Structures are given as C-alpha cells and as structure tokens.
Amino acid sequence: MTYEVGASVSFRALHRMPVEGPEGEVHAHDYRIDVVVARESLDGDGMVIDLDRLDGELRAIGTELADRDLEAIRPADADAVTVEVFARWTHGRLEPLVHEAGGGEVSVRVYESAAAFGGYRAVVP
C-alpha cells in the first residue's frame, strides 16, 4: 500500500538546446511541473507531506524561474537544461522539504508543452 499526494505549478521560462536551428536559439516554453510524493505510511497528522508546504515550495520555484533563462540552473554536467535535467534539478530543490517531512519517493515531471514531458524519480530518505 502506498499513499501519495501531489502539486503542480506553471510558468514561462527560456532555454536553448546545443543544436543548430530554432531550438539552438533562446526560446520560451510554458512549463508545468507536477510533483508526487509517495510513502507507505502517513505521518502523525495523517499526511504524506503537508500540501501547503509542498505547494509553497513549487510556487517559489515558479516565481524564481518565471521569464528567466534556465541556463542559470544548468548543472556543470549537462549541455542544456532539458526537461529531464530540469526535473532532476527540481527534485533536488524539494529534497530538504521531503526529508524533513519523513522522506518518501519523489516523482517530478516537467512538461514543456501539453503533451511532452521529462521526469526524474528517486527516494529521499
């Protein structure tokens, strides 16, 4: 048995890919980040994680990155901020909050359009 809760945030941001053509130029996407936190047991308050705190952290990410070039968050080991890299970065931002709440599996999906997404999922102890 697994319990799960989730939250989402949407915002526009800029990025570029290391390729020739339009994708190689700075361009915007209307991103949506969906996060699901899952655990086998609930905390003392009957929750996986406080949804207000999860939503607040996602809104903070949206506010921080809205209308900005995602190059600002590109890790040294990545050639570009793809949706997969963006999902891994978001997971890292959420790890302290999830750890403090008792841990769990965190799944992040970053959509760059209504139908195209990349994701990252890992357990936070």
C-alpha atoms as a PDB file:
ATOM      1  CA  MET A   1       0.000   0.000   0.000  1.00  0.00           C
ATOM      2  CA  THR A   2       1.313   3.423  -0.925  1.00  0.00           C
ATOM      3  CA  TYR A   3      -0.108   6.857  -0.176  1.00  0.00           C
ATOM      4  CA  GLU A   4       0.657   9.791  -2.425  1.00  0.00           C
ATOM      5  CA  VAL A   5      -0.021  13.500  -2.742  1.00  0.00           C
ATOM      6  CA  GLY A   6       0.983  15.978  -5.388  1.00  0.00           C
ATOM      7  CA  ALA A   7       1.063  19.557  -6.529  1.00  0.00           C
ATOM      8  CA  SER A   8       1.731  21.497  -9.744  1.00  0.00           C
ATOM      9  CA  VAL A   9       2.982  24.887 -10.849  1.00  0.00           C
ATOM     10  CA  SER A  10       3.055  26.546 -14.279  1.00  0.00           C
ATOM     11  CA  PHE A  11       5.205  29.392 -15.610  1.00  0.00           C
ATOM     12  CA  ARG A  12       7.026  30.555 -18.719  1.00  0.00           C
ATOM     13  CA  ALA A  13      10.809  30.336 -18.908  1.00  0.00           C
ATOM     14  CA  LEU A  14      13.524  30.383 -21.563  1.00  0.00           C
ATOM     15  CA  HIS A  15      16.088  27.830 -22.654  1.00  0.00           C
ATOM     16  CA  ARG A  16      18.229  26.739 -25.571  1.00  0.00           C
ATOM     17  CA  MET A  17      19.487  23.411 -26.831  1.00  0.00           C
ATOM     18  CA  PRO A  18      23.043  22.750 -28.078  1.00  0.00           C
ATOM     19  CA  VAL A  19      21.860  22.218 -31.673  1.00  0.00           C
ATOM     20  CA  GLU A  20      21.598  24.192 -34.889  1.00  0.00           C
ATOM     21  CA  GLY A  21      18.326  25.863 -35.826  1.00  0.00           C
ATOM     22  CA  PRO A  22      15.472  27.349 -33.795  1.00  0.00           C
ATOM     23  CA  GLU A  23      15.956  25.019 -30.804  1.00  0.00           C
ATOM     24  CA  GLY A  24      19.550  26.277 -30.574  1.00  0.00           C
ATOM     25  CA  GLU A  25      18.319  29.839 -30.074  1.00  0.00           C
ATOM     26  CA  VAL A  26      16.919  31.117 -26.796  1.00  0.00           C
ATOM     27  CA  HIS A  27      13.184  30.390 -26.854  1.00  0.00           C
ATOM     28  CA  ALA A  28      10.320  30.170 -24.379  1.00  0.00           C
ATOM     29  CA  HIS A  29       8.204  27.301 -23.142  1.00  0.00           C
ATOM     30  CA  ASP A  30       5.160  27.357 -20.915  1.00  0.00           C
ATOM     31  CA  TYR A  31       6.411  24.836 -18.378  1.00  0.00           C
ATOM     32  CA  ARG A  32       4.305  22.847 -15.942  1.00  0.00           C
ATOM     33  CA  ILE A  33       5.943  20.956 -13.096  1.00  0.00           C
ATOM     34  CA  ASP A  34       3.994  18.117 -11.496  1.00  0.00           C
ATOM     35  CA  VAL A  35       5.329  16.583  -8.292  1.00  0.00           C
ATOM     36  CA  VAL A  36       4.124  13.466  -6.487  1.00  0.00           C
ATOM     37  CA  VAL A  37       5.415  12.411  -3.073  1.00  0.00           C
ATOM     38  CA  ALA A  38       4.673   8.815  -2.021  1.00  0.00           C
ATOM     39  CA  ARG A  39       5.154   6.840   1.204  1.00  0.00           C
ATOM     40  CA  GLU A  40       3.915   3.576   2.627  1.00  0.00           C
ATOM     41  CA  SER A  41       2.789   5.211   5.869  1.00  0.00           C
ATOM     42  CA  LEU A  42       1.328   8.537   6.939  1.00  0.00           C
ATOM     43  CA  ASP A  43       2.847  10.887   9.474  1.00  0.00           C
ATOM     44  CA  GLY A  44       1.329  11.655  12.879  1.00  0.00           C
ATOM     45  CA  ASP A  45      -1.034  14.172  11.261  1.00  0.00           C
ATOM     46  CA  GLY A  46      -2.293  11.616   8.745  1.00  0.00           C
ATOM     47  CA  MET A  47      -0.366  13.095   5.799  1.00  0.00           C
ATOM     48  CA  VAL A  48       2.389  12.087   3.401  1.00  0.00           C
ATOM     49  CA  ILE A  49       3.611  15.693   3.404  1.00  0.00           C
ATOM     50  CA  ASP A  50       1.941  18.998   4.181  1.00  0.00           C
ATOM     51  CA  LEU A  51       0.439  20.053   0.833  1.00  0.00           C
ATOM     52  CA  ASP A  52       0.637  23.748   1.731  1.00  0.00           C
ATOM     53  CA  ARG A  53       4.411  23.454   2.210  1.00  0.00           C
ATOM     54  CA  LEU A  54       4.862  21.423  -0.988  1.00  0.00           C
ATOM     55  CA  ASP A  55       2.727  23.887  -2.943  1.00  0.00           C
ATOM     56  CA  GLY A  56       4.641  26.805  -1.412  1.00  0.00           C
ATOM     57  CA  GLU A  57       7.997  25.397  -2.494  1.00  0.00           C
ATOM     58  CA  LEU A  58       6.723  24.781  -6.019  1.00  0.00           C
ATOM     59  CA  ARG A  59       5.323  28.328  -6.205  1.00  0.00           C
ATOM     60  CA  ALA A  60       8.717  29.632  -5.022  1.00  0.00           C
ATOM     61  CA  ILE A  61      10.422  27.721  -7.854  1.00  0.00           C
ATOM     62  CA  GLY A  62       7.927  29.178 -10.336  1.00  0.00           C
ATOM     63  CA  THR A  63       8.477  32.697  -9.051  1.00  0.00           C
ATOM     64  CA  GLU A  64      12.263  32.286  -9.120  1.00  0.00           C
ATOM     65  CA  LEU A  65      12.366  30.987 -12.697  1.00  0.00           C
ATOM     66  CA  ALA A  66       9.467  32.798 -14.378  1.00  0.00           C
ATOM     67  CA  ASP A  67      10.611  34.628 -17.520  1.00  0.00           C
ATOM     68  CA  ARG A  68      14.244  33.715 -16.828  1.00  0.00           C
ATOM     69  CA  ASP A  69      16.769  31.800 -18.899  1.00  0.00           C
ATOM     70  CA  LEU A  70      17.110  28.311 -17.410  1.00  0.00           C
ATOM     71  CA  GLU A  71      20.813  28.465 -18.192  1.00  0.00           C
ATOM     72  CA  ALA A  72      21.023  29.905 -14.650  1.00  0.00           C
ATOM     73  CA  ILE A  73      20.235  26.451 -13.201  1.00  0.00           C
ATOM     74  CA  ARG A  74      22.175  24.304 -15.709  1.00  0.00           C
ATOM     75  CA  PRO A  75      24.406  21.876 -13.844  1.00  0.00           C
ATOM     76  CA  ALA A  76      28.037  21.582 -14.920  1.00  0.00           C
ATOM     77  CA  ASP A  77      27.472  18.020 -16.155  1.00  0.00           C
ATOM     78  CA  ALA A  78      24.692  18.988 -18.599  1.00  0.00           C
ATOM     79  CA  ASP A  79      24.942  20.531 -22.051  1.00  0.00           C
ATOM     80  CA  ALA A  80      21.486  22.095 -21.713  1.00  0.00           C
ATOM     81  CA  VAL A  81      18.502  22.311 -19.396  1.00  0.00           C
ATOM     82  CA  THR A  82      16.356  19.634 -20.993  1.00  0.00           C
ATOM     83  CA  VAL A  83      13.083  18.639 -19.331  1.00  0.00           C
ATOM     84  CA  GLU A  84      14.930  15.669 -17.775  1.00  0.00           C
ATOM     85  CA  VAL A  85      17.641  17.911 -16.331  1.00  0.00           C
ATOM     86  CA  PHE A  86      15.012  20.390 -15.153  1.00  0.00           C
ATOM     87  CA  ALA A  87      13.130  17.568 -13.399  1.00  0.00           C
ATOM     88  CA  ARG A  88      16.323  16.402 -11.641  1.00  0.00           C
ATOM     89  CA  TRP A  89      17.075  19.986 -10.538  1.00  0.00           C
ATOM     90  CA  THR A  90      13.520  20.387  -9.171  1.00  0.00           C
ATOM     91  CA  HIS A  91      13.842  17.082  -7.290  1.00  0.00           C
ATOM     92  CA  GLY A  92      16.999  18.413  -5.657  1.00  0.00           C
ATOM     93  CA  ARG A  93      15.213  21.582  -4.579  1.00  0.00           C
ATOM     94  CA  LEU A  94      12.447  19.511  -2.946  1.00  0.00           C
ATOM     95  CA  GLU A  95      14.717  17.010  -1.169  1.00  0.00           C
ATOM     96  CA  PRO A  96      15.167  19.042   2.067  1.00  0.00           C
ATOM     97  CA  LEU A  97      11.413  19.564   2.437  1.00  0.00           C
ATOM     98  CA  VAL A  98      10.616  15.887   1.819  1.00  0.00           C
ATOM     99  CA  HIS A  99      13.415  14.729   4.126  1.00  0.00           C
ATOM    100  CA  GLU A 100      12.120  16.960   6.913  1.00  0.00           C
ATOM    101  CA  ALA A 101       8.627  15.505   6.392  1.00  0.00           C
ATOM    102  CA  GLY A 102       9.887  11.942   6.878  1.00  0.00           C
ATOM    103  CA  GLY A 103      11.107  11.042   3.396  1.00  0.00           C
ATOM    104  CA  GLY A 104       9.477   9.218   0.545  1.00  0.00           C
ATOM    105  CA  GLU A 105       9.693   8.700  -3.172  1.00  0.00           C
ATOM    106  CA  VAL A 106       9.537  11.951  -5.114  1.00  0.00           C
ATOM    107  CA  SER A 107       8.489  11.891  -8.748  1.00  0.00           C
ATOM    108  CA  VAL A 108       8.852  15.046 -10.841  1.00  0.00           C
ATOM    109  CA  ARG A 109       7.523  15.601 -14.352  1.00  0.00           C
ATOM    110  CA  VAL A 110       8.360  18.765 -16.261  1.00  0.00           C
ATOM    111  CA  TYR A 111       6.108  19.494 -19.231  1.00  0.00           C
ATOM    112  CA  GLU A 112       7.344  21.847 -21.964  1.00  0.00           C
ATOM    113  CA  SER A 113       4.034  21.520 -23.804  1.00  0.00           C
ATOM    114  CA  ALA A 114       0.652  19.979 -23.089  1.00  0.00           C
ATOM    115  CA  ALA A 115       1.871  16.557 -24.220  1.00  0.00           C
ATOM    116  CA  ALA A 116       5.683  16.497 -23.938  1.00  0.00           C
ATOM    117  CA  PHE A 117       7.476  15.938 -20.642  1.00  0.00           C
ATOM    118  CA  GLY A 118      10.580  14.569 -18.992  1.00  0.00           C
ATOM    119  CA  GLY A 119      10.878  13.236 -15.486  1.00  0.00           C
ATOM    120  CA  TYR A 120      13.046  12.223 -12.585  1.00  0.00           C
ATOM    121  CA  ARG A 121      12.142   9.944  -9.672  1.00  0.00           C
ATOM    122  CA  ALA A 122      14.161   8.950  -6.618  1.00  0.00           C
ATOM    123  CA  VAL A 123      13.704   8.136  -2.946  1.00  0.00           C
ATOM    124  CA  VAL A 124      14.502  10.820  -0.385  1.00  0.00           C
ATOM    125  CA  PRO A 125      15.482   9.179   2.925  1.00  0.00           C
END
